[in-house]
N, C-alpha and C. Protein backbone atom coordinates (compact mmCIF):
# COMPACT_ATOMS: atom_id res chain seq x y z
N MET A 1 0.98 -1.22 0.05
CA MET A 1 0.03 -0.03 0.06
C MET A 1 1.14 1.29 0.09
N THR A 2 0.33 1.66 -0.55
CA THR A 2 1.11 3.24 -0.84
C THR A 2 1.31 4.29 -0.02
N LYS A 3 2.04 5.08 0.55
CA LYS A 3 1.73 6.12 2.01
C LYS A 3 1.67 7.32 1.38
N LEU A 4 0.18 7.70 1.57
CA LEU A 4 -0.55 9.19 0.85
C LEU A 4 0.34 10.63 1.82
N THR A 5 0.84 11.34 1.31
CA THR A 5 1.64 12.49 1.73
C THR A 5 0.72 13.58 1.17
N LEU A 6 0.76 14.79 1.81
CA LEU A 6 -0.05 15.50 1.81
C LEU A 6 0.24 16.23 -0.22
N ALA A 7 1.27 16.12 -0.58
CA ALA A 7 1.44 16.98 -2.18
C ALA A 7 1.20 15.42 -2.80
N SER A 8 0.84 14.22 -2.51
CA SER A 8 0.52 13.54 -3.24
C SER A 8 -0.80 13.28 -3.37
N HIS A 9 -1.61 13.72 -2.40
CA HIS A 9 -3.15 13.31 -2.36
C HIS A 9 -3.78 13.84 -3.49
N PRO A 10 -4.65 12.89 -4.16
CA PRO A 10 -5.14 13.60 -5.88
C PRO A 10 -5.73 14.72 -5.78
N PHE A 11 -6.42 15.47 -5.10
CA PHE A 11 -7.39 16.43 -4.88
C PHE A 11 -6.75 17.67 -4.77
N LEU A 12 -5.23 17.53 -3.83
CA LEU A 12 -4.12 18.58 -4.09
C LEU A 12 -2.74 18.71 -4.99
N LEU A 13 -3.48 19.61 -6.17
CA LEU A 13 -2.81 19.54 -7.05
C LEU A 13 -1.60 20.60 -7.05
N GLY A 14 -0.27 20.98 -6.99
CA GLY A 14 0.73 21.92 -6.75
C GLY A 14 0.96 22.12 -5.28
N PHE A 15 0.84 21.64 -4.44
CA PHE A 15 0.86 21.92 -3.16
C PHE A 15 2.40 21.21 -2.55
N ASP A 16 2.87 20.62 -3.53
CA ASP A 16 4.28 19.98 -3.13
C ASP A 16 5.43 20.78 -2.24
N GLN A 17 5.50 22.50 -3.20
CA GLN A 17 5.95 23.87 -2.16
C GLN A 17 5.58 23.60 -0.57
N LEU A 18 4.11 23.42 -0.34
CA LEU A 18 3.63 23.35 0.78
C LEU A 18 4.23 22.54 1.72
N GLU A 19 4.50 21.21 1.00
CA GLU A 19 5.44 20.41 2.14
C GLU A 19 6.48 20.51 2.06
N ARG A 20 7.27 20.66 1.14
CA ARG A 20 8.62 21.28 1.48
C ARG A 20 9.32 22.35 2.42
N LEU A 21 8.01 23.44 2.77
CA LEU A 21 8.10 23.89 4.17
C LEU A 21 7.73 23.70 4.99
N VAL A 22 6.99 23.24 5.17
CA VAL A 22 6.17 22.28 6.13
C VAL A 22 8.03 21.17 7.23
N GLU A 23 7.92 20.66 5.98
CA GLU A 23 10.04 19.81 6.47
C GLU A 23 10.80 20.67 6.72
N ARG A 24 11.00 22.17 6.10
CA ARG A 24 11.99 22.55 6.43
C ARG A 24 11.57 23.87 7.41
N THR A 25 10.64 23.92 8.64
CA THR A 25 10.10 23.95 9.50
C THR A 25 10.15 23.53 10.51
N ALA A 26 10.13 22.00 10.54
CA ALA A 26 10.59 20.74 11.88
C ALA A 26 12.05 20.83 11.63
N LYS A 27 13.09 20.87 10.61
CA LYS A 27 13.57 21.11 10.65
C LYS A 27 14.57 22.14 11.61
N SER A 28 14.30 22.83 11.72
CA SER A 28 14.78 24.26 12.30
C SER A 28 15.23 23.92 13.54
N GLY A 29 14.98 22.95 14.04
CA GLY A 29 15.54 22.96 15.81
C GLY A 29 15.67 23.99 16.43
N ASN A 30 14.69 25.24 16.80
CA ASN A 30 15.28 26.34 17.72
C ASN A 30 14.99 25.58 18.89
N ASP A 31 15.90 26.26 20.35
CA ASP A 31 16.55 25.55 21.01
C ASP A 31 15.79 26.36 22.30
N GLY A 32 15.02 27.35 21.99
CA GLY A 32 14.04 27.96 22.70
C GLY A 32 14.36 29.53 23.39
N TYR A 33 16.03 29.56 22.69
CA TYR A 33 16.80 31.13 22.85
C TYR A 33 16.63 31.73 21.54
N PRO A 34 16.35 33.21 21.52
CA PRO A 34 15.43 33.86 22.60
C PRO A 34 14.26 33.71 22.83
N PRO A 35 13.47 33.73 23.82
CA PRO A 35 11.88 33.65 23.85
C PRO A 35 11.33 34.42 23.04
N TYR A 36 10.30 34.27 22.36
CA TYR A 36 9.52 34.75 21.50
C TYR A 36 8.10 34.89 21.63
N ASN A 37 7.57 36.24 21.59
CA ASN A 37 6.23 36.16 21.31
C ASN A 37 5.98 36.23 19.90
N ILE A 38 4.43 35.62 19.13
CA ILE A 38 3.92 36.11 18.11
C ILE A 38 2.14 36.53 18.56
N GLU A 39 1.88 37.54 18.05
CA GLU A 39 0.49 38.50 18.41
C GLU A 39 -0.13 38.80 16.79
N GLN A 40 -1.55 38.74 17.02
CA GLN A 40 -1.84 39.31 15.85
C GLN A 40 -2.79 39.84 16.63
N SER A 41 -2.57 41.37 15.55
CA SER A 41 -3.31 42.82 16.08
C SER A 41 -4.49 43.47 15.77
N GLY A 42 -4.67 42.29 14.36
CA GLY A 42 -5.26 42.72 13.70
C GLY A 42 -6.04 41.52 12.67
N GLU A 43 -6.98 42.39 11.62
CA GLU A 43 -7.37 40.78 10.71
C GLU A 43 -6.13 40.22 9.48
N ASN A 44 -5.45 40.62 9.04
CA ASN A 44 -3.92 40.29 8.29
C ASN A 44 -2.82 41.21 9.16
N VAL A 45 -2.76 41.63 10.24
CA VAL A 45 -1.54 42.50 10.95
C VAL A 45 -0.93 41.10 12.76
N PHE A 46 0.27 41.04 12.22
CA PHE A 46 1.23 39.97 12.98
C PHE A 46 2.52 41.46 13.01
N ARG A 47 3.03 40.66 14.67
CA ARG A 47 3.89 40.85 15.43
C ARG A 47 4.97 39.47 16.43
N ILE A 48 6.01 39.70 15.74
CA ILE A 48 7.01 39.17 16.58
C ILE A 48 7.64 39.80 17.21
N THR A 49 7.71 39.68 18.30
CA THR A 49 8.20 39.89 19.36
C THR A 49 9.59 38.85 20.03
N LEU A 50 11.05 39.39 20.22
CA LEU A 50 11.64 38.73 20.36
C LEU A 50 12.36 38.78 21.75
N ALA A 51 12.99 38.81 22.84
CA ALA A 51 13.66 38.99 23.95
C ALA A 51 15.08 38.78 24.11
N VAL A 52 15.42 40.31 23.21
CA VAL A 52 16.71 40.16 22.83
C VAL A 52 17.63 41.08 24.00
N ALA A 53 17.09 41.27 25.48
CA ALA A 53 17.99 42.23 26.12
C ALA A 53 19.61 42.02 26.22
N GLY A 54 20.29 43.04 26.20
CA GLY A 54 21.97 42.45 25.74
C GLY A 54 22.48 42.98 24.64
N PHE A 55 21.18 43.12 23.52
CA PHE A 55 21.95 43.16 22.39
C PHE A 55 21.56 44.15 22.00
N ALA A 56 22.72 45.12 21.22
CA ALA A 56 22.06 46.62 20.81
C ALA A 56 21.85 46.16 19.07
N GLU A 57 21.27 47.02 18.56
CA GLU A 57 20.85 47.10 17.15
C GLU A 57 21.62 46.41 15.93
N GLY A 58 23.11 46.86 16.60
CA GLY A 58 24.14 46.51 15.04
C GLY A 58 24.62 44.65 15.35
N ASP A 59 24.09 44.36 16.69
CA ASP A 59 23.97 42.58 16.99
C ASP A 59 23.42 42.13 16.37
N LEU A 60 22.28 42.24 15.98
CA LEU A 60 21.24 41.98 15.35
C LEU A 60 20.89 42.22 13.72
N SER A 61 20.52 40.92 12.79
CA SER A 61 20.42 41.05 11.81
C SER A 61 18.96 40.58 11.49
N ILE A 62 17.47 40.80 10.05
CA ILE A 62 16.77 40.02 9.99
C ILE A 62 17.17 40.05 8.60
N THR A 63 16.65 39.04 7.82
CA THR A 63 16.45 38.84 6.46
C THR A 63 15.70 37.58 6.49
N LEU A 64 14.96 38.12 5.14
CA LEU A 64 14.31 37.14 4.28
C LEU A 64 14.51 36.24 3.38
N GLU A 65 14.99 34.86 3.90
CA GLU A 65 15.68 33.65 2.63
C GLU A 65 14.09 33.30 2.08
N ASP A 66 13.75 33.50 1.18
CA ASP A 66 13.01 32.29 -0.08
C ASP A 66 11.76 32.14 1.17
N ARG A 67 10.88 33.20 1.65
CA ARG A 67 9.63 33.30 2.45
C ARG A 67 10.04 32.52 3.61
N GLN A 68 11.16 32.96 3.83
CA GLN A 68 11.82 31.95 5.77
C GLN A 68 12.66 33.74 5.86
N LEU A 69 11.77 34.33 7.49
CA LEU A 69 12.45 35.45 8.06
C LEU A 69 13.46 34.62 8.88
N VAL A 70 14.58 34.70 9.32
CA VAL A 70 15.32 34.73 9.99
C VAL A 70 16.15 35.81 10.68
N ILE A 71 15.74 35.69 11.84
CA ILE A 71 16.97 36.34 12.97
C ILE A 71 17.89 36.22 13.42
N ARG A 72 18.86 37.27 13.26
CA ARG A 72 20.15 36.07 13.94
C ARG A 72 20.81 37.58 14.92
N GLY A 73 21.45 37.01 15.64
CA GLY A 73 22.33 37.48 17.23
C GLY A 73 23.43 37.67 17.39
N ARG A 74 24.25 38.40 17.35
CA ARG A 74 25.90 37.69 17.48
C ARG A 74 26.10 39.23 18.41
N GLN A 75 27.02 39.06 19.59
CA GLN A 75 26.86 39.51 20.34
C GLN A 75 28.55 40.10 20.11
N SER A 76 29.35 40.76 20.59
CA SER A 76 30.75 40.89 20.51
C SER A 76 31.41 40.76 22.10
N ASP A 77 31.98 40.16 22.10
CA ASP A 77 32.62 39.43 23.91
C ASP A 77 33.24 40.48 23.95
N ASP A 78 32.79 41.48 25.09
CA ASP A 78 33.64 42.56 26.18
C ASP A 78 34.81 42.55 27.15
N SER A 79 34.74 40.71 27.66
CA SER A 79 35.12 40.18 28.85
C SER A 79 36.37 40.48 28.84
N GLU A 80 37.57 40.73 27.94
CA GLU A 80 38.90 40.53 28.07
C GLU A 80 39.08 42.23 29.24
N GLY A 81 39.98 40.94 29.94
CA GLY A 81 40.78 42.35 31.55
C GLY A 81 39.23 42.45 32.78
N ARG A 82 38.68 41.91 32.05
CA ARG A 82 37.74 41.85 33.52
C ARG A 82 37.71 40.14 34.09
N VAL A 83 37.20 40.16 35.61
CA VAL A 83 37.16 38.25 36.30
C VAL A 83 36.04 38.72 36.67
N PHE A 84 35.41 37.78 36.36
CA PHE A 84 33.94 37.26 36.79
C PHE A 84 33.87 36.40 38.08
N LEU A 85 33.30 36.94 38.86
CA LEU A 85 33.28 36.03 40.21
C LEU A 85 31.75 34.89 40.05
N HIS A 86 31.12 35.35 39.21
CA HIS A 86 29.72 34.57 38.66
C HIS A 86 29.92 35.36 37.02
N ARG A 87 29.41 34.29 36.29
CA ARG A 87 28.63 34.73 35.14
C ARG A 87 27.80 33.51 34.44
N GLY A 88 26.72 34.93 34.85
CA GLY A 88 25.45 34.07 34.13
C GLY A 88 24.87 34.66 33.30
N ILE A 89 25.33 35.93 32.54
CA ILE A 89 24.88 36.70 31.41
C ILE A 89 26.18 35.91 30.85
N ALA A 90 26.09 35.48 28.77
CA ALA A 90 26.68 35.09 28.55
C ALA A 90 26.40 35.56 27.35
N ALA A 91 27.59 35.64 26.37
CA ALA A 91 27.53 36.89 25.35
C ALA A 91 27.22 35.46 24.01
N ARG A 92 25.70 35.63 23.89
CA ARG A 92 24.99 33.79 23.23
C ARG A 92 24.69 34.45 21.75
N GLN A 93 25.10 33.73 20.69
CA GLN A 93 24.51 34.21 19.57
C GLN A 93 23.67 33.24 19.31
N PHE A 94 22.61 33.98 18.57
CA PHE A 94 21.40 33.00 18.07
C PHE A 94 20.97 32.96 16.80
N GLN A 95 20.34 32.16 16.59
CA GLN A 95 19.00 32.22 15.19
C GLN A 95 18.10 31.64 15.48
N ARG A 96 17.16 32.63 15.08
CA ARG A 96 15.75 32.30 15.26
C ARG A 96 14.79 32.28 13.37
N SER A 97 14.22 31.15 12.68
CA SER A 97 13.45 31.08 12.11
C SER A 97 11.68 31.28 11.96
N PHE A 98 11.45 31.53 10.94
CA PHE A 98 10.23 31.46 10.71
C PHE A 98 9.37 31.67 9.52
N VAL A 99 8.61 30.57 8.78
CA VAL A 99 8.74 30.59 8.34
C VAL A 99 7.03 31.27 7.67
N LEU A 100 7.18 32.20 6.60
CA LEU A 100 5.93 33.24 6.66
C LEU A 100 5.24 32.51 4.93
N ALA A 101 3.73 32.67 5.06
CA ALA A 101 2.85 32.13 4.05
C ALA A 101 3.19 32.89 2.78
N GLU A 102 2.86 32.78 1.71
CA GLU A 102 2.25 33.38 0.42
C GLU A 102 1.25 34.75 0.40
N GLY A 103 1.94 35.80 0.45
CA GLY A 103 1.41 37.32 1.06
C GLY A 103 1.93 37.80 2.18
N VAL A 104 2.37 36.95 2.86
CA VAL A 104 3.11 37.88 4.65
C VAL A 104 4.00 38.59 3.82
N GLU A 105 4.39 39.82 4.38
CA GLU A 105 5.27 40.99 4.22
C GLU A 105 5.69 41.00 5.41
N VAL A 106 7.13 41.40 5.52
CA VAL A 106 7.46 42.44 6.81
C VAL A 106 7.24 43.71 6.68
N ALA A 107 6.54 44.56 7.81
CA ALA A 107 6.10 46.07 7.22
C ALA A 107 7.28 46.68 8.27
N GLY A 108 8.24 46.12 9.09
CA GLY A 108 9.22 47.21 9.53
C GLY A 108 9.49 46.38 10.67
N ALA A 109 10.50 46.54 11.34
CA ALA A 109 11.33 46.20 13.33
C ALA A 109 11.74 47.28 14.19
N ALA A 110 11.61 47.15 14.39
CA ALA A 110 11.69 48.07 16.10
C ALA A 110 12.54 47.17 17.59
N MET A 111 13.65 48.45 18.12
CA MET A 111 13.88 47.70 19.09
C MET A 111 12.98 48.40 20.70
N GLU A 112 12.63 48.02 21.36
CA GLU A 112 12.01 48.61 22.75
C GLU A 112 12.54 48.26 23.87
N HIS A 113 12.83 48.47 24.87
CA HIS A 113 13.20 48.36 26.48
C HIS A 113 13.56 46.44 25.67
N GLY A 114 14.76 46.43 25.08
CA GLY A 114 15.50 44.93 24.96
C GLY A 114 14.33 43.65 24.02
N LEU A 115 13.36 44.64 23.43
CA LEU A 115 12.33 44.19 22.87
C LEU A 115 12.97 43.94 21.98
N LEU A 116 12.89 42.98 20.41
CA LEU A 116 12.30 43.07 19.13
C LEU A 116 11.55 42.75 18.57
N HIS A 117 10.60 44.10 18.00
CA HIS A 117 9.80 43.51 17.41
C HIS A 117 9.40 44.03 15.91
N VAL A 118 9.28 42.89 15.25
CA VAL A 118 8.98 42.47 13.83
C VAL A 118 7.25 42.66 13.51
N ASP A 119 6.89 43.71 12.60
CA ASP A 119 5.66 43.85 12.14
C ASP A 119 5.11 43.20 10.19
N LEU A 120 4.80 42.40 10.50
CA LEU A 120 4.01 41.74 9.21
C LEU A 120 2.41 41.81 9.35
N THR A 121 2.42 42.10 7.86
CA THR A 121 1.65 42.97 7.31
C THR A 121 0.58 41.20 6.35
N ARG A 122 -0.72 40.97 5.85
CA ARG A 122 -0.94 39.62 4.94
C ARG A 122 -1.52 40.33 4.52
N SER A 123 -1.44 40.75 2.92
CA SER A 123 -2.16 40.70 1.96
C SER A 123 -3.42 40.10 1.33
N ILE A 124 -4.82 40.56 1.53
CA ILE A 124 -5.92 40.00 0.48
C ILE A 124 -5.59 40.11 -0.41
N PRO A 125 -5.36 38.53 -1.23
CA PRO A 125 -5.69 38.00 -2.66
C PRO A 125 -6.56 38.50 -3.17
N GLU A 126 -6.91 38.65 -4.27
CA GLU A 126 -8.26 39.24 -4.82
C GLU A 126 -8.70 37.86 -5.56
N ASN A 127 -10.26 37.75 -4.87
CA ASN A 127 -11.35 36.67 -5.55
C ASN A 127 -11.29 36.36 -7.11
N VAL A 128 -10.48 35.74 -7.79
CA VAL A 128 -10.68 36.08 -9.15
C VAL A 128 -11.36 34.92 -9.69
N VAL A 129 -12.44 35.05 -10.40
CA VAL A 129 -13.41 33.73 -11.29
C VAL A 129 -13.13 34.17 -12.75
N GLN A 130 -12.33 33.21 -12.70
CA GLN A 130 -11.99 32.54 -14.88
C GLN A 130 -12.60 31.36 -15.36
N THR A 131 -13.59 31.57 -16.44
CA THR A 131 -14.15 30.81 -17.13
C THR A 131 -13.17 30.31 -18.02
N ILE A 132 -13.40 29.06 -18.15
CA ILE A 132 -12.53 28.47 -19.19
C ILE A 132 -13.64 27.95 -20.04
N THR A 133 -13.07 28.02 -21.34
CA THR A 133 -13.52 27.68 -22.57
C THR A 133 -13.85 25.94 -23.03
N ILE A 134 -14.38 25.82 -23.53
CA ILE A 134 -14.77 23.63 -24.01
C ILE A 134 -14.36 23.84 -25.28
N LYS A 135 -13.01 23.41 -25.67
CA LYS A 135 -12.66 23.28 -26.80
C LYS A 135 -13.28 22.21 -27.83
N SER A 136 -13.55 21.78 -28.71
CA SER A 136 -14.47 20.82 -29.15
C SER A 136 -13.06 20.09 -30.23
N GLY A 137 -13.05 18.40 -30.15
CA GLY A 137 -12.06 17.98 -31.05
C GLY A 137 -11.36 16.87 -30.36
N GLY A 138 -11.47 16.89 -28.69
CA GLY A 138 -10.91 15.88 -27.78
C GLY A 138 -9.40 16.96 -27.39
N ALA A 139 -8.72 16.12 -26.49
CA ALA A 139 -7.91 16.87 -25.34
C ALA A 139 -6.80 17.09 -26.15
N GLN A 140 -5.86 18.38 -25.78
CA GLN A 140 -5.21 18.17 -26.48
C GLN A 140 -3.85 18.54 -25.50
N ASP A 141 -2.57 18.34 -25.68
CA ASP A 141 -0.96 18.49 -25.50
C ASP A 141 -1.20 19.41 -24.61
N VAL A 142 -0.44 19.27 -23.36
CA VAL A 142 -0.42 20.93 -22.80
C VAL A 142 1.40 20.83 -23.20
């Protein structure tokens, strides 16, 4: 018996890209750092907030790579010449990824009180109705 996957289901034509997105998201393996929230502030408006205390704006980068929002942080180690009796705040780098749906765009980003806010908007697609004409003479090669 053949195992049906999302992309091989006979009623879902052309959804193989969606299956690849799900696989890529599952493989991202985020470790929980930094913690984040995802809020919906309107029907088509979202905000991702990451707790990035200790990071300056120059330590952070936000890129959009093939529908994947990637937020990276890298702090410079300024501990030279300092003696720590306890070091609980580490200069730790991170990478956090979010897969964005088709039509979701990054509206902007801002830092506020140690929080990085990334605002997203989703455009509403137009409802298109298309009439297909039927030609006589049998099926033709595509």
